Amino acid sequence: MKRLAIALLAAALTGPAFAQMKGMDMKDMPMKDKGMDMKKEKGAKGEVHKATGTVTKVDKNKVTIKHGPVESMKWPAMSMAFTVKDKSLMDKMKKDEKVDFEFVQQGKDYVVTSVK
């Protein structure tokens, strides 16, 4: 009998909450997590990131760079391949050369947009 009373009480209390949410779209829901705006999650698309590293390999349209930490992405130092769509940037990157570069995320790729 106690279990039935608890189940009925729980159903009575949750019903209004579901009814209130029924008319809400996802865009109307608050998107905060631990004080951070979810629209600005790490590595958000379109955000320009800066790093410094050493070129370890140059391919047709990709370059592998052993870079230091990237604060804007909360990445540690690592070695990774980046896509390079602008061929003029490829001329600025030679194996074993230190570079300061900027990149953006495009889909699953990280694309170098600037090299110094």
Protein backbone atom coordinates (compact mmCIF):
# COMPACT_ATOMS: atom_id res chain seq x y z
CA MET A 1 0.00 0.00 0.00
CA LYS A 2 2.89 2.36 0.83
CA ARG A 3 4.50 1.68 -2.57
CA LEU A 4 1.27 2.46 -4.39
CA ALA A 5 0.91 5.75 -2.53
CA ILE A 6 4.52 6.74 -3.35
CA ALA A 7 4.05 5.83 -7.02
CA LEU A 8 0.84 7.89 -7.25
CA LEU A 9 2.50 10.84 -5.52
CA ALA A 10 5.49 10.68 -7.89
CA ALA A 11 3.19 10.54 -10.93
CA ALA A 12 1.16 13.49 -9.66
CA LEU A 13 4.27 15.62 -9.12
CA THR A 14 5.97 14.85 -12.46
CA GLY A 15 2.87 15.31 -14.62
CA PRO A 16 2.88 19.15 -14.44
CA ALA A 17 6.61 19.27 -15.21
CA PHE A 18 6.16 17.24 -18.41
CA ALA A 19 3.12 19.30 -19.40
CA GLN A 20 5.14 22.49 -18.97
CA MET A 21 7.98 21.16 -21.15
CA LYS A 22 5.63 19.89 -23.88
CA GLY A 23 5.48 23.27 -25.64
CA MET A 24 9.23 23.98 -25.41
CA ASP A 25 11.65 23.71 -28.31
CA MET A 26 15.31 22.85 -27.77
CA LYS A 27 16.19 26.46 -28.63
CA ASP A 28 14.14 27.59 -25.62
CA MET A 29 15.98 25.34 -23.19
CA PRO A 30 18.86 26.76 -21.15
CA MET A 31 22.16 25.41 -22.48
CA LYS A 32 24.50 26.05 -19.57
CA ASP A 33 26.84 23.46 -18.09
CA LYS A 34 29.00 24.34 -15.10
CA GLY A 35 28.78 28.03 -15.94
CA MET A 36 29.96 27.61 -19.55
CA ASP A 37 27.84 28.62 -22.52
CA MET A 38 27.44 25.45 -24.60
CA LYS A 39 27.44 27.53 -27.79
CA LYS A 40 31.08 28.31 -27.06
CA GLU A 41 32.19 24.78 -26.31
CA LYS A 42 35.85 24.05 -26.84
CA GLY A 43 36.86 23.90 -30.45
CA ALA A 44 33.72 25.57 -31.69
CA LYS A 45 33.52 25.60 -35.47
CA GLY A 46 34.70 28.83 -37.05
CA GLU A 47 36.82 29.86 -34.07
CA VAL A 48 40.42 30.66 -35.02
CA HIS A 49 43.05 28.88 -32.92
CA LYS A 50 46.76 29.79 -32.66
CA ALA A 51 49.71 27.49 -32.09
CA THR A 52 53.46 27.19 -32.49
CA GLY A 53 55.22 24.05 -33.60
CA THR A 54 57.73 22.29 -35.82
CA VAL A 55 56.79 20.88 -39.21
CA THR A 56 57.58 17.15 -39.26
CA LYS A 57 56.02 16.13 -42.59
CA VAL A 58 54.66 17.86 -45.70
CA ASP A 59 52.27 16.08 -48.08
CA LYS A 60 50.08 17.23 -50.99
CA ASN A 61 47.44 19.09 -49.00
CA LYS A 62 48.37 18.10 -45.45
CA VAL A 63 51.12 19.05 -43.06
CA THR A 64 52.05 17.31 -39.82
CA ILE A 65 53.11 19.67 -37.04
CA LYS A 66 54.48 18.84 -33.60
CA HIS A 67 52.87 21.74 -31.73
CA GLY A 68 52.75 23.05 -28.20
CA PRO A 69 49.57 23.32 -26.12
CA VAL A 70 46.59 25.03 -27.75
CA GLU A 71 44.81 26.87 -24.94
CA SER A 72 41.68 27.72 -26.95
CA MET A 73 41.13 24.00 -27.63
CA LYS A 74 42.40 22.85 -24.21
CA TRP A 75 44.81 20.57 -26.10
CA PRO A 76 48.13 19.42 -24.71
CA ALA A 77 51.27 19.45 -26.85
CA MET A 78 51.06 16.81 -29.58
CA SER A 79 51.89 15.95 -33.16
CA MET A 80 49.04 15.95 -35.67
CA ALA A 81 48.18 16.36 -39.33
CA PHE A 82 46.40 19.51 -40.53
CA THR A 83 44.70 20.08 -43.86
CA VAL A 84 46.01 22.99 -45.93
CA LYS A 85 43.61 24.17 -48.63
CA ASP A 86 45.58 27.24 -49.75
CA LYS A 87 48.59 25.98 -51.71
CA SER A 88 50.48 29.24 -51.13
CA LEU A 89 50.66 28.33 -47.42
CA MET A 90 52.33 25.03 -48.30
CA ASP A 91 55.32 26.99 -49.67
CA LYS A 92 55.83 28.51 -46.21
CA MET A 93 56.14 25.14 -44.50
CA LYS A 94 59.31 23.08 -44.79
CA LYS A 95 60.24 19.97 -42.81
CA ASP A 96 62.01 20.73 -39.49
CA GLU A 97 61.01 24.41 -39.69
CA LYS A 98 59.41 26.16 -36.70
CA VAL A 99 56.10 27.89 -37.52
CA ASP A 100 53.49 30.04 -35.83
CA PHE A 101 50.15 29.11 -37.37
CA GLU A 102 46.42 29.61 -37.11
CA PHE A 103 43.77 27.01 -37.84
CA VAL A 104 40.03 26.45 -37.77
CA GLN A 105 37.86 23.37 -37.47
CA GLN A 106 35.89 22.48 -40.60
CA GLY A 107 33.83 19.37 -40.04
CA LYS A 108 36.23 16.69 -38.83
CA ASP A 109 39.27 18.49 -40.28
CA TYR A 110 41.54 21.08 -38.74
CA VAL A 111 42.56 23.50 -41.49
CA VAL A 112 45.62 25.78 -41.40
CA THR A 113 44.56 29.31 -42.39
CA SER A 114 47.74 31.29 -41.69
CA VAL A 115 51.47 30.58 -41.30
CA LYS A 116 54.32 32.82 -40.12
